[in-house]
Amino acid sequence: MQRIRLRYTKRGRLRFTSHRDFQRAFERALRRAEVPMAYSAGFTPHPKVSYANAAPTGTGSEAEFLEIALTERRDPETLRVLLDESLPAGLDITDAVEARTSGLADRLTASVWELRLDGVSVDEARKAVETFLAAETVEVQRKTKSGIRTFDTRAAVVDLVADRPQGDPEGDPQGDPQGDRTAGDACAILRLVVRHVTPAVRPDDVLSGLRAVADLAPPVPAAVTRLAQGLFDEESGTVTDPLAPDREAVTAAPPTAAATAPATAPEAGPA
């Protein structure tokens, strides 16, 4: 059995797909690509796919991770290309590596998020961020299955910065790379690093905290994207690539006959 770890994205309109929607799409892609999947035992066998810390529905992501188990060896890059071609645009497989270490989920300890606040000026956002970071605790409430729960968002936030949209250093809408701003539009970008704690602190919880301590209330819902997730490095204050240990293990390991055998794409069946 071989284990492959994949990084994938949720872009554009597909950020509104639920985790279950993605599971169904991914399992169809596995069948289309004729991946030799290992299956669970029991009356209803299912492909052995492990998902790790999926982003909430409605948020985009550049850094989602999962692991699959195969019954035959495959070249990770060849497999990545086949699966990427079998998924709709927006659900893109961007990286693949053979699992040579344990504990992928244990290496997902923090996330980097970007929040686009249309209708909020950069100065207003920066003042709110300063107030939030100066507070010792910022309690918010969220409705859960067991009722309303109150928890502190401040302790989970490692870093929070407000800035202008990329390519728009002077606030000029002509520099907006998305091309969706008009003259007079205000827009601020929040970049946020959050530890994965229990209960989980999500980007919308931080926005609720900013509203509570600084009365920051964007007139339209924020566009939220996860840029990265991985192990938080205390010394550098950065979030590291969780697949890096597997790449390093592959580089350090001596090649074997099975590992060096070329992988081929499945032959197309009759129409």
C-alpha atoms as a PDB file:
ATOM      1  CA  MET A   1       0.000   0.000   0.000  1.00  0.00           C
ATOM      2  CA  GLN A   2       1.170   3.512  -0.863  1.00  0.00           C
ATOM      3  CA  ARG A   3      -0.084   6.747   0.711  1.00  0.00           C
ATOM      4  CA  ILE A   4      -0.187  10.007  -1.258  1.00  0.00           C
ATOM      5  CA  ARG A   5      -0.790  13.430   0.274  1.00  0.00           C
ATOM      6  CA  LEU A   6      -2.430  16.091  -1.872  1.00  0.00           C
ATOM      7  CA  ARG A   7      -2.875  19.833  -1.611  1.00  0.00           C
ATOM      8  CA  TYR A   8      -5.931  21.313  -3.325  1.00  0.00           C
ATOM      9  CA  THR A   9      -7.751  24.612  -3.702  1.00  0.00           C
ATOM     10  CA  LYS A  10     -11.283  26.004  -3.559  1.00  0.00           C
ATOM     11  CA  ARG A  11     -11.405  29.005  -5.871  1.00  0.00           C
ATOM     12  CA  GLY A  12     -14.035  31.310  -7.332  1.00  0.00           C
ATOM     13  CA  ARG A  13     -17.636  30.154  -7.046  1.00  0.00           C
ATOM     14  CA  LEU A  14     -16.534  26.736  -5.856  1.00  0.00           C
ATOM     15  CA  ARG A  15     -15.692  28.244  -2.474  1.00  0.00           C
ATOM     16  CA  PHE A  16     -19.421  27.776  -1.818  1.00  0.00           C
ATOM     17  CA  THR A  17     -19.186  23.992  -2.131  1.00  0.00           C
ATOM     18  CA  SER A  18     -19.585  22.172   1.158  1.00  0.00           C
ATOM     19  CA  HIS A  19     -17.072  19.612   2.374  1.00  0.00           C
ATOM     20  CA  ARG A  20     -19.511  16.837   1.456  1.00  0.00           C
ATOM     21  CA  ASP A  21     -19.895  18.287  -2.057  1.00  0.00           C
ATOM     22  CA  PHE A  22     -16.110  18.162  -2.451  1.00  0.00           C
ATOM     23  CA  GLN A  23     -15.981  14.581  -1.179  1.00  0.00           C
ATOM     24  CA  ARG A  24     -18.439  13.483  -3.848  1.00  0.00           C
ATOM     25  CA  ALA A  25     -16.589  15.371  -6.593  1.00  0.00           C
ATOM     26  CA  PHE A  26     -13.238  13.959  -5.479  1.00  0.00           C
ATOM     27  CA  GLU A  27     -14.468  10.362  -5.380  1.00  0.00           C
ATOM     28  CA  ARG A  28     -15.825  10.763  -8.926  1.00  0.00           C
ATOM     29  CA  ALA A  29     -12.418  12.120  -9.968  1.00  0.00           C
ATOM     30  CA  LEU A  30     -10.735   9.056  -8.457  1.00  0.00           C
ATOM     31  CA  ARG A  31     -12.938   6.808 -10.584  1.00  0.00           C
ATOM     32  CA  ARG A  32     -12.386   8.851 -13.762  1.00  0.00           C
ATOM     33  CA  ALA A  33      -8.616   8.782 -13.273  1.00  0.00           C
ATOM     34  CA  GLU A  34      -8.735   5.021 -12.527  1.00  0.00           C
ATOM     35  CA  VAL A  35      -6.740   5.456  -9.336  1.00  0.00           C
ATOM     36  CA  PRO A  36      -6.067   2.040  -7.685  1.00  0.00           C
ATOM     37  CA  MET A  37      -7.687   2.984  -4.385  1.00  0.00           C
ATOM     38  CA  ALA A  38      -7.587   0.937  -1.214  1.00  0.00           C
ATOM     39  CA  TYR A  39     -11.046   0.417   0.301  1.00  0.00           C
ATOM     40  CA  SER A  40     -12.280   0.005   3.843  1.00  0.00           C
ATOM     41  CA  ALA A  41     -13.689  -3.315   5.044  1.00  0.00           C
ATOM     42  CA  GLY A  42     -17.299  -3.958   6.029  1.00  0.00           C
ATOM     43  CA  PHE A  43     -20.703  -4.019   4.339  1.00  0.00           C
ATOM     44  CA  THR A  44     -20.253  -0.606   2.663  1.00  0.00           C
ATOM     45  CA  PRO A  45     -16.596  -0.288   1.574  1.00  0.00           C
ATOM     46  CA  HIS A  46     -15.486   3.228   0.723  1.00  0.00           C
ATOM     47  CA  PRO A  47     -12.216   4.658  -0.633  1.00  0.00           C
ATOM     48  CA  LYS A  48      -9.593   5.312   2.020  1.00  0.00           C
ATOM     49  CA  VAL A  49      -9.418   9.111   1.910  1.00  0.00           C
ATOM     50  CA  SER A  50      -8.469  11.162   4.969  1.00  0.00           C
ATOM     51  CA  TYR A  51      -9.388  14.859   4.977  1.00  0.00           C
ATOM     52  CA  ALA A  52      -7.608  17.290   7.278  1.00  0.00           C
ATOM     53  CA  ASN A  53      -9.107  20.491   8.689  1.00  0.00           C
ATOM     54  CA  ALA A  54     -11.359  21.523   5.799  1.00  0.00           C
ATOM     55  CA  ALA A  55     -12.181  25.216   5.363  1.00  0.00           C
ATOM     56  CA  PRO A  56     -15.733  26.385   6.196  1.00  0.00           C
ATOM     57  CA  THR A  57     -18.289  26.544   3.375  1.00  0.00           C
ATOM     58  CA  GLY A  58     -18.200  29.923   1.637  1.00  0.00           C
ATOM     59  CA  THR A  59     -14.489  30.532   2.164  1.00  0.00           C
ATOM     60  CA  GLY A  60     -11.886  30.166  -0.562  1.00  0.00           C
ATOM     61  CA  SER A  61      -8.672  28.280   0.048  1.00  0.00           C
ATOM     62  CA  GLU A  62      -5.268  27.785  -1.492  1.00  0.00           C
ATOM     63  CA  ALA A  63      -4.214  25.194   1.097  1.00  0.00           C
ATOM     64  CA  GLU A  64      -6.526  22.237   1.721  1.00  0.00           C
ATOM     65  CA  PHE A  65      -5.002  18.812   2.369  1.00  0.00           C
ATOM     66  CA  LEU A  66      -6.000  15.174   2.136  1.00  0.00           C
ATOM     67  CA  GLU A  67      -4.378  11.747   2.025  1.00  0.00           C
ATOM     68  CA  ILE A  68      -5.306   8.727  -0.089  1.00  0.00           C
ATOM     69  CA  ALA A  69      -4.253   5.075   0.197  1.00  0.00           C
ATOM     70  CA  LEU A  70      -3.439   3.066  -2.951  1.00  0.00           C
ATOM     71  CA  THR A  71      -3.107  -0.647  -3.615  1.00  0.00           C
ATOM     72  CA  GLU A  72      -0.493  -0.061  -6.346  1.00  0.00           C
ATOM     73  CA  ARG A  73       2.369   2.405  -6.533  1.00  0.00           C
ATOM     74  CA  ARG A  74       1.931   5.550  -8.604  1.00  0.00           C
ATOM     75  CA  ASP A  75       4.175   8.533  -9.321  1.00  0.00           C
ATOM     76  CA  PRO A  76       2.741  11.398  -7.232  1.00  0.00           C
ATOM     77  CA  GLU A  77       3.098  14.034  -9.949  1.00  0.00           C
ATOM     78  CA  THR A  78       1.475  11.846 -12.607  1.00  0.00           C
ATOM     79  CA  LEU A  79      -1.349  11.142 -10.206  1.00  0.00           C
ATOM     80  CA  ARG A  80      -1.731  14.844  -9.428  1.00  0.00           C
ATOM     81  CA  VAL A  81      -2.115  15.721 -13.101  1.00  0.00           C
ATOM     82  CA  LEU A  82      -4.705  12.984 -13.700  1.00  0.00           C
ATOM     83  CA  LEU A  83      -6.806  14.016 -10.719  1.00  0.00           C
ATOM     84  CA  ASP A  84      -6.540  17.714 -11.532  1.00  0.00           C
ATOM     85  CA  GLU A  85      -7.833  17.043 -15.048  1.00  0.00           C
ATOM     86  CA  SER A  86     -10.758  15.068 -13.587  1.00  0.00           C
ATOM     87  CA  LEU A  87     -11.932  17.856 -11.248  1.00  0.00           C
ATOM     88  CA  PRO A  88     -13.795  21.051 -12.194  1.00  0.00           C
ATOM     89  CA  ALA A  89     -11.806  24.264 -12.526  1.00  0.00           C
ATOM     90  CA  GLY A  90     -11.568  25.872  -9.111  1.00  0.00           C
ATOM     91  CA  LEU A  91     -11.035  22.571  -7.339  1.00  0.00           C
ATOM     92  CA  ASP A  92      -7.392  22.247  -8.354  1.00  0.00           C
ATOM     93  CA  ILE A  93      -4.823  19.717  -7.162  1.00  0.00           C
ATOM     94  CA  THR A  94      -1.684  21.814  -6.795  1.00  0.00           C
ATOM     95  CA  ASP A  95       0.758  19.481  -5.029  1.00  0.00           C
ATOM     96  CA  ALA A  96       1.307  15.773  -4.382  1.00  0.00           C
ATOM     97  CA  VAL A  97       3.919  13.881  -2.396  1.00  0.00           C
ATOM     98  CA  GLU A  98       4.311  10.324  -1.171  1.00  0.00           C
ATOM     99  CA  ALA A  99       3.631  10.090   2.572  1.00  0.00           C
ATOM    100  CA  ARG A 100       6.908   9.130   4.252  1.00  0.00           C
ATOM    101  CA  THR A 101       6.124  10.538   7.712  1.00  0.00           C
ATOM    102  CA  SER A 102       3.213  10.242  10.126  1.00  0.00           C
ATOM    103  CA  GLY A 103       0.905  12.841  11.574  1.00  0.00           C
ATOM    104  CA  LEU A 104      -0.126  15.176   8.752  1.00  0.00           C
ATOM    105  CA  ALA A 105      -3.040  16.472  10.826  1.00  0.00           C
ATOM    106  CA  ASP A 106      -0.661  17.172  13.722  1.00  0.00           C
ATOM    107  CA  ARG A 107       1.313  19.525  11.476  1.00  0.00           C
ATOM    108  CA  LEU A 108      -1.738  21.692  10.749  1.00  0.00           C
ATOM    109  CA  THR A 109      -1.520  23.942  13.791  1.00  0.00           C
ATOM    110  CA  ALA A 110      -2.209  27.375  12.238  1.00  0.00           C
ATOM    111  CA  SER A 111      -3.721  29.055   9.188  1.00  0.00           C
ATOM    112  CA  VAL A 112      -3.019  32.240   7.248  1.00  0.00           C
ATOM    113  CA  TRP A 113      -6.209  33.980   6.107  1.00  0.00           C
ATOM    114  CA  GLU A 114      -6.930  36.960   3.869  1.00  0.00           C
ATOM    115  CA  LEU A 115     -10.143  38.918   4.380  1.00  0.00           C
ATOM    116  CA  ARG A 116     -11.265  41.455   1.796  1.00  0.00           C
ATOM    117  CA  LEU A 117     -13.444  44.156   3.367  1.00  0.00           C
ATOM    118  CA  ASP A 118     -15.223  46.122   0.658  1.00  0.00           C
ATOM    119  CA  GLY A 119     -16.667  49.395   1.872  1.00  0.00           C
ATOM    120  CA  VAL A 120     -14.103  49.712   4.683  1.00  0.00           C
ATOM    121  CA  SER A 121     -11.239  52.208   4.441  1.00  0.00           C
ATOM    122  CA  VAL A 122      -7.700  51.108   5.254  1.00  0.00           C
ATOM    123  CA  ASP A 123      -7.388  53.706   8.021  1.00  0.00           C
ATOM    124  CA  GLU A 124     -10.599  52.483   9.639  1.00  0.00           C
ATOM    125  CA  ALA A 125      -9.414  48.869   9.442  1.00  0.00           C
ATOM    126  CA  ARG A 126      -5.993  49.720  10.915  1.00  0.00           C
ATOM    127  CA  LYS A 127      -7.529  51.504  13.901  1.00  0.00           C
ATOM    128  CA  ALA A 128      -9.792  48.504  14.547  1.00  0.00           C
ATOM    129  CA  VAL A 129      -6.844  46.120  14.308  1.00  0.00           C
ATOM    130  CA  GLU A 130      -4.848  48.192  16.817  1.00  0.00           C
ATOM    131  CA  THR A 131      -7.739  48.107  19.266  1.00  0.00           C
ATOM    132  CA  PHE A 132      -8.187  44.353  18.829  1.00  0.00           C
ATOM    133  CA  LEU A 133      -4.493  43.571  19.335  1.00  0.00           C
ATOM    134  CA  ALA A 134      -4.297  45.833  22.402  1.00  0.00           C
ATOM    135  CA  ALA A 135      -7.089  43.926  24.141  1.00  0.00           C
ATOM    136  CA  GLU A 136      -6.212  41.091  26.520  1.00  0.00           C
ATOM    137  CA  THR A 137      -9.363  39.145  25.650  1.00  0.00           C
ATOM    138  CA  VAL A 138     -11.991  39.556  22.954  1.00  0.00           C
ATOM    139  CA  GLU A 139     -15.006  37.383  23.682  1.00  0.00           C
ATOM    140  CA  VAL A 140     -17.575  36.550  21.020  1.00  0.00           C
ATOM    141  CA  GLN A 141     -20.564  34.264  20.848  1.00  0.00           C
ATOM    142  CA  ARG A 142     -21.327  31.597  18.275  1.00  0.00           C
ATOM    143  CA  LYS A 143     -24.323  29.319  17.917  1.00  0.00           C
ATOM    144  CA  THR A 144     -23.342  25.639  18.095  1.00  0.00           C
ATOM    145  CA  LYS A 145     -25.278  22.372  18.130  1.00  0.00           C
ATOM    146  CA  SER A 146     -25.304  22.523  21.928  1.00  0.00           C
ATOM    147  CA  GLY A 147     -26.440  26.151  22.062  1.00  0.00           C
ATOM    148  CA  ILE A 148     -24.785  29.574  22.270  1.00  0.00           C
ATOM    149  CA  ARG A 149     -21.108  29.369  23.199  1.00  0.00           C
ATOM    150  CA  THR A 150     -18.867  32.224  24.365  1.00  0.00           C
ATOM    151  CA  PHE A 151     -15.119  32.077  23.752  1.00  0.00           C
ATOM    152  CA  ASP A 152     -12.039  34.287  23.451  1.00  0.00           C
ATOM    153  CA  THR A 153     -10.804  35.051  19.929  1.00  0.00           C
ATOM    154  CA  ARG A 154      -7.810  37.185  20.922  1.00  0.00           C
ATOM    155  CA  ALA A 155      -5.710  34.325  22.337  1.00  0.00           C
ATOM    156  CA  ALA A 156      -5.814  32.400  19.037  1.00  0.00           C
ATOM    157  CA  VAL A 157      -4.707  35.351  16.860  1.00  0.00           C
ATOM    158  CA  VAL A 158      -0.944  35.347  16.319  1.00  0.00           C
ATOM    159  CA  ASP A 159      -0.831  38.228  13.835  1.00  0.00           C
ATOM    160  CA  LEU A 160      -3.336  40.636  12.292  1.00  0.00           C
ATOM    161  CA  VAL A 161      -2.479  43.345   9.754  1.00  0.00           C
ATOM    162  CA  ALA A 162      -4.633  45.727   7.712  1.00  0.00           C
ATOM    163  CA  ASP A 163      -3.405  46.880   4.304  1.00  0.00           C
ATOM    164  CA  ARG A 164      -4.489  48.049   0.875  1.00  0.00           C
ATOM    165  CA  PRO A 165      -5.355  45.573  -1.904  1.00  0.00           C
ATOM    166  CA  GLN A 166      -2.331  44.321  -3.812  1.00  0.00           C
ATOM    167  CA  GLY A 167      -1.459  46.575  -6.743  1.00  0.00           C
ATOM    168  CA  ASP A 168      -3.314  49.494  -5.186  1.00  0.00           C
ATOM    169  CA  PRO A 169      -0.672  51.303  -3.066  1.00  0.00           C
ATOM    170  CA  GLU A 170      -2.407  54.672  -3.193  1.00  0.00           C
ATOM    171  CA  GLY A 171      -5.990  53.470  -3.040  1.00  0.00           C
ATOM    172  CA  ASP A 172      -6.469  54.007  -6.772  1.00  0.00           C
ATOM    173  CA  PRO A 173      -9.267  51.707  -8.096  1.00  0.00           C
ATOM    174  CA  GLN A 174      -7.471  51.559 -11.438  1.00  0.00           C
ATOM    175  CA  GLY A 175      -4.865  49.382  -9.699  1.00  0.00           C
ATOM    176  CA  ASP A 176      -7.416  46.802  -8.528  1.00  0.00           C
ATOM    177  CA  PRO A 177      -6.368  43.475 -10.120  1.00  0.00           C
ATOM    178  CA  GLN A 178      -9.915  42.109  -9.780  1.00  0.00           C
ATOM    179  CA  GLY A 179     -11.359  44.950 -11.806  1.00  0.00           C
ATOM    180  CA  ASP A 180     -14.482  45.106  -9.595  1.00  0.00           C
ATOM    181  CA  ARG A 181     -13.989  48.440  -7.844  1.00  0.00           C
ATOM    182  CA  THR A 182     -15.251  51.799  -9.018  1.00  0.00           C
ATOM    183  CA  ALA A 183     -14.106  55.295  -8.177  1.00  0.00           C
ATOM    184  CA  GLY A 184     -14.786  56.119  -4.545  1.00  0.00           C
ATOM    185  CA  ASP A 185     -14.887  52.478  -3.414  1.00  0.00           C
ATOM    186  CA  ALA A 186     -13.097  51.803  -0.143  1.00  0.00           C
ATOM    187  CA  CYS A 187     -11.453  48.446   0.384  1.00  0.00           C
ATOM    188  CA  ALA A 188      -9.185  47.036   3.096  1.00  0.00           C
ATOM    189  CA  ILE A 189      -7.379  43.711   3.259  1.00  0.00           C
ATOM    190  CA  LEU A 190      -6.877  41.933   6.578  1.00  0.00           C
ATOM    191  CA  ARG A 191      -4.132  39.299   6.787  1.00  0.00           C
ATOM    192  CA  LEU A 192      -4.588  37.047   9.734  1.00  0.00           C
ATOM    193  CA  VAL A 193      -2.607  34.206  11.313  1.00  0.00           C
ATOM    194  CA  VAL A 194      -4.717  32.057  13.639  1.00  0.00           C
ATOM    195  CA  ARG A 195      -3.732  29.075  15.753  1.00  0.00           C
ATOM    196  CA  HIS A 196      -5.916  25.976  15.482  1.00  0.00           C
ATOM    197  CA  VAL A 197      -7.335  25.821  18.991  1.00  0.00           C
ATOM    198  CA  THR A 198     -10.411  24.290  20.616  1.00  0.00           C
ATOM    199  CA  PRO A 199     -12.977  25.657  20.103  1.00  0.00           C
ATOM    200  CA  ALA A 200     -11.807  26.625  16.617  1.00  0.00           C
ATOM    201  CA  VAL A 201     -11.508  30.362  15.963  1.00  0.00           C
ATOM    202  CA  ARG A 202     -12.635  31.148  12.434  1.00  0.00           C
ATOM    203  CA  PRO A 203     -12.172  34.326  10.383  1.00  0.00           C
ATOM    204  CA  ASP A 204     -15.808  35.315  10.942  1.00  0.00           C
ATOM    205  CA  ASP A 205     -15.213  35.037  14.695  1.00  0.00           C
ATOM    206  CA  VAL A 206     -12.360  37.533  14.397  1.00  0.00           C
ATOM    207  CA  LEU A 207     -14.636  39.867  12.438  1.00  0.00           C
ATOM    208  CA  SER A 208     -17.180  39.543  15.244  1.00  0.00           C
ATOM    209  CA  GLY A 209     -14.400  40.461  17.668  1.00  0.00           C
ATOM    210  CA  LEU A 210     -13.451  43.516  15.634  1.00  0.00           C
ATOM    211  CA  ARG A 211     -17.083  44.581  15.660  1.00  0.00           C
ATOM    212  CA  ALA A 212     -17.295  44.076  19.430  1.00  0.00           C
ATOM    213  CA  VAL A 213     -14.169  46.040  20.418  1.00  0.00           C
ATOM    214  CA  ALA A 214     -13.884  48.592  17.605  1.00  0.00           C
ATOM    215  CA  ASP A 215     -17.345  48.757  16.018  1.00  0.00           C
ATOM    216  CA  LEU A 216     -15.935  47.629  12.664  1.00  0.00           C
ATOM    217  CA  ALA A 217     -18.914  46.485  10.581  1.00  0.00           C
ATOM    218  CA  PRO A 218     -18.294  45.961   6.838  1.00  0.00           C
ATOM    219  CA  PRO A 219     -21.413  46.852   4.790  1.00  0.00           C
ATOM    220  CA  VAL A 220     -21.065  43.660   2.725  1.00  0.00           C
ATOM    221  CA  PRO A 221     -19.878  40.167   3.723  1.00  0.00           C
ATOM    222  CA  ALA A 222     -16.102  39.768   3.700  1.00  0.00           C
ATOM    223  CA  ALA A 223     -14.465  37.652   0.982  1.00  0.00           C
ATOM    224  CA  VAL A 224     -12.346  35.152   2.930  1.00  0.00           C
ATOM    225  CA  THR A 225      -9.482  33.027   1.563  1.00  0.00           C
ATOM    226  CA  ARG A 226      -7.126  30.669   3.362  1.00  0.00           C
ATOM    227  CA  LEU A 227      -3.658  31.275   1.927  1.00  0.00           C
ATOM    228  CA  ALA A 228      -1.740  28.639   3.889  1.00  0.00           C
ATOM    229  CA  GLN A 229      -1.984  26.203   6.762  1.00  0.00           C
ATOM    230  CA  GLY A 230       0.683  24.170   8.485  1.00  0.00           C
ATOM    231  CA  LEU A 231       2.963  24.056  11.491  1.00  0.00           C
ATOM    232  CA  PHE A 232       3.435  27.416  13.197  1.00  0.00           C
ATOM    233  CA  ASP A 233       7.129  28.264  13.658  1.00  0.00           C
ATOM    234  CA  GLU A 234       7.460  30.152  16.940  1.00  0.00           C
ATOM    235  CA  GLU A 235      10.887  31.588  16.077  1.00  0.00           C
ATOM    236  CA  SER A 236      10.060  33.011  12.655  1.00  0.00           C
ATOM    237  CA  GLY A 237       6.362  33.602  13.256  1.00  0.00           C
ATOM    238  CA  THR A 238       5.522  31.877   9.949  1.00  0.00           C
ATOM    239  CA  VAL A 239       3.333  28.949   8.945  1.00  0.00           C
ATOM    240  CA  THR A 240       5.460  26.227   7.326  1.00  0.00           C
ATOM    241  CA  ASP A 241       4.588  23.803   4.521  1.00  0.00           C
ATOM    242  CA  PRO A 242       3.164  20.601   6.081  1.00  0.00           C
ATOM    243  CA  LEU A 243       4.307  18.502   3.104  1.00  0.00           C
ATOM    244  CA  ALA A 244       7.965  19.542   3.442  1.00  0.00           C
ATOM    245  CA  PRO A 245       8.924  16.669   5.824  1.00  0.00           C
ATOM    246  CA  ASP A 246       7.632  14.140   3.295  1.00  0.00           C
ATOM    247  CA  ARG A 247       9.626  15.716   0.475  1.00  0.00           C
ATOM    248  CA  GLU A 248      12.745  15.710   2.611  1.00  0.00           C
ATOM    249  CA  ALA A 249      12.209  12.051   3.531  1.00  0.00           C
ATOM    250  CA  VAL A 250      11.821  11.114  -0.141  1.00  0.00           C
ATOM    251  CA  THR A 251      15.026  12.986  -1.029  1.00  0.00           C
ATOM    252  CA  ALA A 252      16.976  11.342   1.785  1.00  0.00           C
ATOM    253  CA  ALA A 253      15.714   7.802   1.131  1.00  0.00           C
ATOM    254  CA  PRO A 254      17.668   5.601  -1.342  1.00  0.00           C
ATOM    255  CA  PRO A 255      15.729   4.868  -4.551  1.00  0.00           C
ATOM    256  CA  THR A 256      14.067   1.474  -4.889  1.00  0.00           C
ATOM    257  CA  ALA A 257      13.048  -0.453  -7.966  1.00  0.00           C
ATOM    258  CA  ALA A 258       9.371   0.140  -7.232  1.00  0.00           C
ATOM    259  CA  ALA A 259       9.848   3.829  -6.576  1.00  0.00           C
ATOM    260  CA  THR A 260      11.877   4.425  -9.729  1.00  0.00           C
ATOM    261  CA  ALA A 261       9.549   2.484 -12.047  1.00  0.00           C
ATOM    262  CA  PRO A 262       7.796   4.958 -14.373  1.00  0.00           C
ATOM    263  CA  ALA A 263       4.088   5.441 -13.742  1.00  0.00           C
ATOM    264  CA  THR A 264       1.789   5.542 -16.737  1.00  0.00           C
ATOM    265  CA  ALA A 265      -1.604   7.061 -17.176  1.00  0.00           C
ATOM    266  CA  PRO A 266      -4.535   4.621 -17.525  1.00  0.00           C
ATOM    267  CA  GLU A 267      -5.516   3.721 -21.067  1.00  0.00           C
ATOM    268  CA  ALA A 268      -8.710   5.249 -22.297  1.00  0.00           C
ATOM    269  CA  GLY A 269     -11.610   2.787 -22.474  1.00  0.00           C
ATOM    270  CA  PRO A 270     -13.999   2.401 -25.398  1.00  0.00           C
ATOM    271  CA  ALA A 271     -16.371   5.261 -25.941  1.00  0.00           C
END
